[in-house]
Amino acid sequence: MRIDLALQPYADSPSLREVLLEVLADDRYTSLRMVTAWVRASALPALDERMRAFRARGGRIELTSGLSQGAATRAGLAKSLALVDESWVLFDADGRTFHPKVHLARGEGVALLFIGSQNLTAGGLSTNAEAGVVLRLEHPDDPWHLADEVDAYLDRLHADAGIARRLDESLLQRLERDPFVALADRPGGAVHPHPLFAPFAGDVRPLPKGAVPPPSRIPRRPWWQRLLRRLD
């Protein structure tokens, strides 16, 4: 196993952009699972050509992105639909922010795992001050369980109907129309409601001053069901 640090923005350390371009150009990799707290269209031109070429030779790309904090853009979500095989969006109405940044590439006997602070934005790809770690797994005695655990984590997130939905054009249009889904490029300006105050949170009441969102182990409310019913 080889371990490298990705310490942006310094030229003597790899950036997320360089790592992703390396993966997409390497014929050994056949799948790429990308996870980001939010995606913006500004990041995608740098990856567009390589992503299309990767898929053209049979590779599969999956993107999982969050809708928290009003930082995602409709343009980024829409562009992602054209560049990946499967796109997921996650949002937790109980107040937890979806914030992981993980990229996992796999092939026969090889894997690359990137975990860092970088979002899928132009700054996150290369120019922001960010930090990450790159693990390259190539030998039988390497810690392959780390890649397996990331796969299991993503599968578990996608299976959680309380927070996850498979993104398609229909859902994107519904999210764009809803005033309580914060998108940074919404016409008229971004909307940044705390999800606990949003009407689709149903029986949830505003938290007292100084309170924090409930811990992750509490039952989640089925916000997606209420949201989608209201948009229909």
C-alpha atoms as a PDB file:
ATOM      1  CA  MET A   1       0.000   0.000   0.000  1.00  0.00           C
ATOM      2  CA  ARG A   2       1.144   3.492  -0.832  1.00  0.00           C
ATOM      3  CA  ILE A   3      -0.106   6.460   1.189  1.00  0.00           C
ATOM      4  CA  ASP A   4       0.175  10.065   0.005  1.00  0.00           C
ATOM      5  CA  LEU A   5      -1.052  13.331   1.442  1.00  0.00           C
ATOM      6  CA  ALA A   6      -2.958  15.775  -0.757  1.00  0.00           C
ATOM      7  CA  LEU A   7      -2.127  19.168   0.725  1.00  0.00           C
ATOM      8  CA  GLN A   8      -3.612  21.934  -1.378  1.00  0.00           C
ATOM      9  CA  PRO A   9      -2.896  24.432  -2.791  1.00  0.00           C
ATOM     10  CA  TYR A  10       0.823  23.654  -2.921  1.00  0.00           C
ATOM     11  CA  ALA A  11       2.279  22.460  -6.218  1.00  0.00           C
ATOM     12  CA  ASP A  12       4.519  19.847  -4.606  1.00  0.00           C
ATOM     13  CA  SER A  13       1.488  17.912  -3.316  1.00  0.00           C
ATOM     14  CA  PRO A  14      -1.273  16.297  -5.399  1.00  0.00           C
ATOM     15  CA  SER A  15      -4.641  18.017  -5.599  1.00  0.00           C
ATOM     16  CA  LEU A  16      -7.995  16.266  -5.726  1.00  0.00           C
ATOM     17  CA  ARG A  17      -8.178  17.251  -9.392  1.00  0.00           C
ATOM     18  CA  GLU A  18      -4.890  15.496 -10.133  1.00  0.00           C
ATOM     19  CA  VAL A  19      -5.918  12.372  -8.228  1.00  0.00           C
ATOM     20  CA  LEU A  20      -9.262  12.099 -10.020  1.00  0.00           C
ATOM     21  CA  LEU A  21      -7.681  12.698 -13.434  1.00  0.00           C
ATOM     22  CA  GLU A  22      -5.140   9.981 -12.630  1.00  0.00           C
ATOM     23  CA  VAL A  23      -7.909   7.523 -11.785  1.00  0.00           C
ATOM     24  CA  LEU A  24     -10.011   8.356 -14.827  1.00  0.00           C
ATOM     25  CA  ALA A  25      -7.042   7.901 -17.169  1.00  0.00           C
ATOM     26  CA  ASP A  26      -5.910   4.589 -15.646  1.00  0.00           C
ATOM     27  CA  ASP A  27      -7.298   1.592 -17.546  1.00  0.00           C
ATOM     28  CA  ARG A  28      -6.968  -0.589 -14.449  1.00  0.00           C
ATOM     29  CA  TYR A  29      -9.916   1.117 -12.772  1.00  0.00           C
ATOM     30  CA  THR A  30     -13.425   0.137 -13.796  1.00  0.00           C
ATOM     31  CA  SER A  31     -15.551   1.961 -11.207  1.00  0.00           C
ATOM     32  CA  LEU A  32     -15.444   5.258  -9.351  1.00  0.00           C
ATOM     33  CA  ARG A  33     -17.692   6.211  -6.442  1.00  0.00           C
ATOM     34  CA  MET A  34     -17.537   9.943  -5.668  1.00  0.00           C
ATOM     35  CA  VAL A  35     -18.944  11.463  -2.475  1.00  0.00           C
ATOM     36  CA  THR A  36     -19.120  15.173  -1.739  1.00  0.00           C
ATOM     37  CA  ALA A  37     -20.985  17.438   0.656  1.00  0.00           C
ATOM     38  CA  TRP A  38     -22.064  19.461  -2.373  1.00  0.00           C
ATOM     39  CA  VAL A  39     -21.372  19.658  -6.082  1.00  0.00           C
ATOM     40  CA  ARG A  40     -21.045  22.740  -8.254  1.00  0.00           C
ATOM     41  CA  ALA A  41     -20.824  22.993 -12.023  1.00  0.00           C
ATOM     42  CA  SER A  42     -17.534  24.896 -11.693  1.00  0.00           C
ATOM     43  CA  ALA A  43     -15.747  21.648 -10.839  1.00  0.00           C
ATOM     44  CA  LEU A  44     -16.959  19.585 -13.752  1.00  0.00           C
ATOM     45  CA  PRO A  45     -15.257  21.135 -16.825  1.00  0.00           C
ATOM     46  CA  ALA A  46     -11.884  20.026 -15.457  1.00  0.00           C
ATOM     47  CA  LEU A  47     -13.125  16.422 -15.278  1.00  0.00           C
ATOM     48  CA  ASP A  48     -15.661  16.314 -18.123  1.00  0.00           C
ATOM     49  CA  GLU A  49     -13.508  14.835 -20.891  1.00  0.00           C
ATOM     50  CA  ARG A  50     -11.889  12.192 -18.696  1.00  0.00           C
ATOM     51  CA  MET A  51     -15.207  11.192 -17.125  1.00  0.00           C
ATOM     52  CA  ARG A  52     -16.780  10.689 -20.546  1.00  0.00           C
ATOM     53  CA  ALA A  53     -13.776   8.682 -21.754  1.00  0.00           C
ATOM     54  CA  PHE A  54     -13.831   6.536 -18.611  1.00  0.00           C
ATOM     55  CA  ARG A  55     -17.476   5.636 -19.185  1.00  0.00           C
ATOM     56  CA  ALA A  56     -16.946   5.147 -22.923  1.00  0.00           C
ATOM     57  CA  ARG A  57     -14.486   2.346 -22.243  1.00  0.00           C
ATOM     58  CA  GLY A  58     -16.932   0.640 -19.875  1.00  0.00           C
ATOM     59  CA  GLY A  59     -16.150   2.328 -16.562  1.00  0.00           C
ATOM     60  CA  ARG A  60     -18.950   3.187 -14.154  1.00  0.00           C
ATOM     61  CA  ILE A  61     -19.190   6.428 -12.163  1.00  0.00           C
ATOM     62  CA  GLU A  62     -21.477   7.064  -9.212  1.00  0.00           C
ATOM     63  CA  LEU A  63     -21.899  10.416  -7.470  1.00  0.00           C
ATOM     64  CA  THR A  64     -23.383  10.992  -4.023  1.00  0.00           C
ATOM     65  CA  SER A  65     -23.826  14.624  -2.983  1.00  0.00           C
ATOM     66  CA  GLY A  66     -25.539  16.553  -0.221  1.00  0.00           C
ATOM     67  CA  LEU A  67     -28.114  19.350  -0.204  1.00  0.00           C
ATOM     68  CA  SER A  68     -27.134  20.802   3.177  1.00  0.00           C
ATOM     69  CA  GLN A  69     -26.220  24.406   3.980  1.00  0.00           C
ATOM     70  CA  GLY A  70     -27.500  25.846   0.682  1.00  0.00           C
ATOM     71  CA  ALA A  71     -24.154  25.228  -1.009  1.00  0.00           C
ATOM     72  CA  ALA A  72     -25.160  22.859  -3.822  1.00  0.00           C
ATOM     73  CA  THR A  73     -26.211  24.325  -7.159  1.00  0.00           C
ATOM     74  CA  ARG A  74     -28.865  23.223  -9.584  1.00  0.00           C
ATOM     75  CA  ALA A  75     -26.319  23.614 -12.389  1.00  0.00           C
ATOM     76  CA  GLY A  76     -23.931  21.238 -10.646  1.00  0.00           C
ATOM     77  CA  LEU A  77     -26.604  18.629 -10.010  1.00  0.00           C
ATOM     78  CA  ALA A  78     -27.875  18.896 -13.590  1.00  0.00           C
ATOM     79  CA  LYS A  79     -24.391  18.631 -15.081  1.00  0.00           C
ATOM     80  CA  SER A  80     -23.637  15.593 -12.955  1.00  0.00           C
ATOM     81  CA  LEU A  81     -26.569  13.732 -14.474  1.00  0.00           C
ATOM     82  CA  ALA A  82     -24.864  13.900 -17.867  1.00  0.00           C
ATOM     83  CA  LEU A  83     -21.499  12.689 -16.590  1.00  0.00           C
ATOM     84  CA  VAL A  84     -22.267   9.815 -14.226  1.00  0.00           C
ATOM     85  CA  ASP A  85     -24.147   6.543 -14.397  1.00  0.00           C
ATOM     86  CA  GLU A  86     -25.903   7.060 -11.083  1.00  0.00           C
ATOM     87  CA  SER A  87     -26.387  10.185  -8.977  1.00  0.00           C
ATOM     88  CA  TRP A  88     -27.742  10.330  -5.421  1.00  0.00           C
ATOM     89  CA  VAL A  89     -28.709  13.300  -3.247  1.00  0.00           C
ATOM     90  CA  LEU A  90     -28.878  13.223   0.550  1.00  0.00           C
ATOM     91  CA  PHE A  91     -30.542  15.571   3.004  1.00  0.00           C
ATOM     92  CA  ASP A  92     -31.455  15.046   6.648  1.00  0.00           C
ATOM     93  CA  ALA A  93     -34.456  17.007   7.919  1.00  0.00           C
ATOM     94  CA  ASP A  94     -33.415  16.361  11.522  1.00  0.00           C
ATOM     95  CA  GLY A  95     -30.635  18.894  11.119  1.00  0.00           C
ATOM     96  CA  ARG A  96     -27.538  16.807  10.458  1.00  0.00           C
ATOM     97  CA  THR A  97     -25.324  18.082   7.654  1.00  0.00           C
ATOM     98  CA  PHE A  98     -24.202  15.581   5.027  1.00  0.00           C
ATOM     99  CA  HIS A  99     -20.489  16.362   4.931  1.00  0.00           C
ATOM    100  CA  PRO A 100     -18.255  13.436   3.815  1.00  0.00           C
ATOM    101  CA  LYS A 101     -15.769  13.775   0.976  1.00  0.00           C
ATOM    102  CA  VAL A 102     -14.652  10.354  -0.201  1.00  0.00           C
ATOM    103  CA  HIS A 103     -13.669   8.908  -3.573  1.00  0.00           C
ATOM    104  CA  LEU A 104     -13.202   5.194  -4.177  1.00  0.00           C
ATOM    105  CA  ALA A 105     -11.903   3.743  -7.442  1.00  0.00           C
ATOM    106  CA  ARG A 106     -11.729   0.005  -7.994  1.00  0.00           C
ATOM    107  CA  GLY A 107     -10.406  -2.423 -10.563  1.00  0.00           C
ATOM    108  CA  GLU A 108      -9.148  -5.981 -10.706  1.00  0.00           C
ATOM    109  CA  GLY A 109      -6.635  -6.232  -7.856  1.00  0.00           C
ATOM    110  CA  VAL A 110      -6.349  -2.472  -7.439  1.00  0.00           C
ATOM    111  CA  ALA A 111      -8.150   0.295  -5.569  1.00  0.00           C
ATOM    112  CA  LEU A 112      -7.605   3.950  -4.735  1.00  0.00           C
ATOM    113  CA  LEU A 113      -9.256   5.606  -1.753  1.00  0.00           C
ATOM    114  CA  PHE A 114      -9.238   9.369  -1.252  1.00  0.00           C
ATOM    115  CA  ILE A 115     -10.564  10.893   1.976  1.00  0.00           C
ATOM    116  CA  GLY A 116     -10.236  14.615   2.571  1.00  0.00           C
ATOM    117  CA  SER A 117     -11.830  18.005   3.119  1.00  0.00           C
ATOM    118  CA  GLN A 118     -12.304  18.791  -0.579  1.00  0.00           C
ATOM    119  CA  ASN A 119     -15.780  19.326  -1.995  1.00  0.00           C
ATOM    120  CA  LEU A 120     -16.540  18.857  -5.668  1.00  0.00           C
ATOM    121  CA  THR A 121     -16.149  22.528  -6.556  1.00  0.00           C
ATOM    122  CA  ALA A 122     -13.539  24.423  -8.556  1.00  0.00           C
ATOM    123  CA  GLY A 123     -11.816  25.503  -5.354  1.00  0.00           C
ATOM    124  CA  GLY A 124     -12.084  22.090  -3.768  1.00  0.00           C
ATOM    125  CA  LEU A 125     -10.460  20.446  -6.768  1.00  0.00           C
ATOM    126  CA  SER A 126      -7.265  22.467  -6.667  1.00  0.00           C
ATOM    127  CA  THR A 127      -7.133  26.069  -5.434  1.00  0.00           C
ATOM    128  CA  ASN A 128      -8.569  25.951  -1.916  1.00  0.00           C
ATOM    129  CA  ALA A 129      -6.397  25.215   1.093  1.00  0.00           C
ATOM    130  CA  GLU A 130      -7.483  21.623   1.710  1.00  0.00           C
ATOM    131  CA  ALA A 131      -6.055  18.400   3.094  1.00  0.00           C
ATOM    132  CA  GLY A 132      -6.641  14.779   2.208  1.00  0.00           C
ATOM    133  CA  VAL A 133      -5.055  11.358   2.185  1.00  0.00           C
ATOM    134  CA  VAL A 134      -4.694   8.998  -0.781  1.00  0.00           C
ATOM    135  CA  LEU A 135      -4.437   5.239  -0.216  1.00  0.00           C
ATOM    136  CA  ARG A 136      -3.427   3.035  -3.136  1.00  0.00           C
ATOM    137  CA  LEU A 137      -4.201  -0.658  -2.620  1.00  0.00           C
ATOM    138  CA  GLU A 138      -2.364  -3.027  -4.951  1.00  0.00           C
ATOM    139  CA  HIS A 139      -1.176  -6.022  -2.929  1.00  0.00           C
ATOM    140  CA  PRO A 140      -3.076  -8.900  -1.290  1.00  0.00           C
ATOM    141  CA  ASP A 141      -1.900  -7.931   2.199  1.00  0.00           C
ATOM    142  CA  ASP A 142      -3.031  -4.308   1.849  1.00  0.00           C
ATOM    143  CA  PRO A 143      -5.985  -3.198   4.042  1.00  0.00           C
ATOM    144  CA  TRP A 144      -8.713  -3.960   1.503  1.00  0.00           C
ATOM    145  CA  HIS A 145     -11.278  -3.879   4.291  1.00  0.00           C
ATOM    146  CA  LEU A 146     -11.094  -0.077   4.146  1.00  0.00           C
ATOM    147  CA  ALA A 147     -12.410  -0.055   0.581  1.00  0.00           C
ATOM    148  CA  ASP A 148     -15.041  -2.622   1.522  1.00  0.00           C
ATOM    149  CA  GLU A 149     -16.177  -0.500   4.470  1.00  0.00           C
ATOM    150  CA  VAL A 150     -16.548   2.566   2.246  1.00  0.00           C
ATOM    151  CA  ASP A 151     -18.643   0.544  -0.209  1.00  0.00           C
ATOM    152  CA  ALA A 152     -20.822  -0.716   2.637  1.00  0.00           C
ATOM    153  CA  TYR A 153     -21.194   2.807   4.044  1.00  0.00           C
ATOM    154  CA  LEU A 154     -22.403   4.184   0.717  1.00  0.00           C
ATOM    155  CA  ASP A 155     -24.778   1.284   0.168  1.00  0.00           C
ATOM    156  CA  ARG A 156     -26.207   1.888   3.638  1.00  0.00           C
ATOM    157  CA  LEU A 157     -26.703   5.589   2.949  1.00  0.00           C
ATOM    158  CA  HIS A 158     -28.459   4.905  -0.344  1.00  0.00           C
ATOM    159  CA  ALA A 159     -30.763   2.389   1.321  1.00  0.00           C
ATOM    160  CA  ASP A 160     -31.869   4.940   3.939  1.00  0.00           C
ATOM    161  CA  ALA A 161     -35.141   6.210   2.467  1.00  0.00           C
ATOM    162  CA  GLY A 162     -35.332   8.879   5.160  1.00  0.00           C
ATOM    163  CA  ILE A 163     -32.405  10.833   3.744  1.00  0.00           C
ATOM    164  CA  ALA A 164     -31.462   9.516   0.285  1.00  0.00           C
ATOM    165  CA  ARG A 165     -32.986   9.684  -3.171  1.00  0.00           C
ATOM    166  CA  ARG A 166     -31.746   8.660  -6.596  1.00  0.00           C
ATOM    167  CA  LEU A 167     -31.465  11.859  -8.601  1.00  0.00           C
ATOM    168  CA  ASP A 168     -33.099  12.170 -11.996  1.00  0.00           C
ATOM    169  CA  GLU A 169     -34.433  15.088 -14.017  1.00  0.00           C
ATOM    170  CA  SER A 170     -37.884  14.785 -12.473  1.00  0.00           C
ATOM    171  CA  LEU A 171     -36.579  14.975  -8.907  1.00  0.00           C
ATOM    172  CA  LEU A 172     -34.232  17.812  -9.840  1.00  0.00           C
ATOM    173  CA  GLN A 173     -37.161  19.855 -11.124  1.00  0.00           C
ATOM    174  CA  ARG A 174     -39.098  19.181  -7.928  1.00  0.00           C
ATOM    175  CA  LEU A 175     -36.194  20.248  -5.764  1.00  0.00           C
ATOM    176  CA  GLU A 176     -35.682  23.377  -7.841  1.00  0.00           C
ATOM    177  CA  ARG A 177     -39.317  24.430  -7.418  1.00  0.00           C
ATOM    178  CA  ASP A 178     -39.379  23.917  -3.676  1.00  0.00           C
ATOM    179  CA  PRO A 179     -38.573  27.110  -1.721  1.00  0.00           C
ATOM    180  CA  PHE A 180     -37.348  25.140   1.282  1.00  0.00           C
ATOM    181  CA  VAL A 181     -34.596  23.297  -0.567  1.00  0.00           C
ATOM    182  CA  ALA A 182     -31.572  25.591  -0.522  1.00  0.00           C
ATOM    183  CA  LEU A 183     -29.724  25.840  -3.842  1.00  0.00           C
ATOM    184  CA  ALA A 184     -26.970  28.423  -4.190  1.00  0.00           C
ATOM    185  CA  ASP A 185     -27.946  29.378  -7.755  1.00  0.00           C
ATOM    186  CA  ARG A 186     -31.679  29.669  -7.119  1.00  0.00           C
ATOM    187  CA  PRO A 187     -33.146  32.668  -9.017  1.00  0.00           C
ATOM    188  CA  GLY A 188     -33.475  35.581  -6.642  1.00  0.00           C
ATOM    189  CA  GLY A 189     -30.749  34.340  -4.349  1.00  0.00           C
ATOM    190  CA  ALA A 190     -29.958  31.350  -2.205  1.00  0.00           C
ATOM    191  CA  VAL A 191     -32.307  30.135   0.488  1.00  0.00           C
ATOM    192  CA  HIS A 192     -30.703  28.903   3.688  1.00  0.00           C
ATOM    193  CA  PRO A 193     -33.397  27.597   6.049  1.00  0.00           C
ATOM    194  CA  HIS A 194     -32.413  25.339   8.882  1.00  0.00           C
ATOM    195  CA  PRO A 195     -34.206  22.078   8.021  1.00  0.00           C
ATOM    196  CA  LEU A 196     -35.731  21.899  11.506  1.00  0.00           C
ATOM    197  CA  PHE A 197     -37.697  25.050  10.687  1.00  0.00           C
ATOM    198  CA  ALA A 198     -38.914  23.934   7.265  1.00  0.00           C
ATOM    199  CA  PRO A 199     -42.636  23.187   6.873  1.00  0.00           C
ATOM    200  CA  PHE A 200     -41.966  19.745   5.446  1.00  0.00           C
ATOM    201  CA  ALA A 201     -40.428  18.781   8.794  1.00  0.00           C
ATOM    202  CA  GLY A 202     -43.994  18.151   9.964  1.00  0.00           C
ATOM    203  CA  ASP A 203     -44.222  17.896  13.730  1.00  0.00           C
ATOM    204  CA  VAL A 204     -40.726  19.261  14.332  1.00  0.00           C
ATOM    205  CA  ARG A 205     -40.611  22.460  16.413  1.00  0.00           C
ATOM    206  CA  PRO A 206     -37.840  25.088  16.386  1.00  0.00           C
ATOM    207  CA  LEU A 207     -35.007  24.224  18.742  1.00  0.00           C
ATOM    208  CA  PRO A 208     -34.549  26.342  21.884  1.00  0.00           C
ATOM    209  CA  LYS A 209     -31.797  28.932  21.761  1.00  0.00           C
ATOM    210  CA  GLY A 210     -28.416  27.287  22.183  1.00  0.00           C
ATOM    211  CA  ALA A 211     -29.749  23.804  21.455  1.00  0.00           C
ATOM    212  CA  VAL A 212     -28.097  21.520  18.932  1.00  0.00           C
ATOM    213  CA  PRO A 213     -29.670  19.117  16.419  1.00  0.00           C
ATOM    214  CA  PRO A 214     -30.475  15.692  17.862  1.00  0.00           C
ATOM    215  CA  PRO A 215     -27.816  12.974  17.768  1.00  0.00           C
ATOM    216  CA  SER A 216     -27.529  10.650  14.819  1.00  0.00           C
ATOM    217  CA  ARG A 217     -28.986   7.628  16.604  1.00  0.00           C
ATOM    218  CA  ILE A 218     -32.515   9.024  16.919  1.00  0.00           C
ATOM    219  CA  PRO A 219     -35.199   7.783  14.482  1.00  0.00           C
ATOM    220  CA  ARG A 220     -35.310   9.882  11.350  1.00  0.00           C
ATOM    221  CA  ARG A 221     -38.503  11.461  10.152  1.00  0.00           C
ATOM    222  CA  PRO A 222     -39.564  10.511   6.605  1.00  0.00           C
ATOM    223  CA  TRP A 223     -39.104  14.012   5.200  1.00  0.00           C
ATOM    224  CA  TRP A 224     -38.796  12.807   1.609  1.00  0.00           C
ATOM    225  CA  GLN A 225     -42.277  11.339   1.648  1.00  0.00           C
ATOM    226  CA  ARG A 226     -43.792  14.622   2.851  1.00  0.00           C
ATOM    227  CA  LEU A 227     -41.715  16.715   0.486  1.00  0.00           C
ATOM    228  CA  LEU A 228     -42.529  14.688  -2.600  1.00  0.00           C
ATOM    229  CA  ARG A 229     -46.237  14.502  -1.750  1.00  0.00           C
ATOM    230  CA  ARG A 230     -46.344  18.274  -1.409  1.00  0.00           C
ATOM    231  CA  LEU A 231     -44.602  18.774  -4.750  1.00  0.00           C
ATOM    232  CA  ASP A 232     -46.867  16.376  -6.661  1.00  0.00           C
END
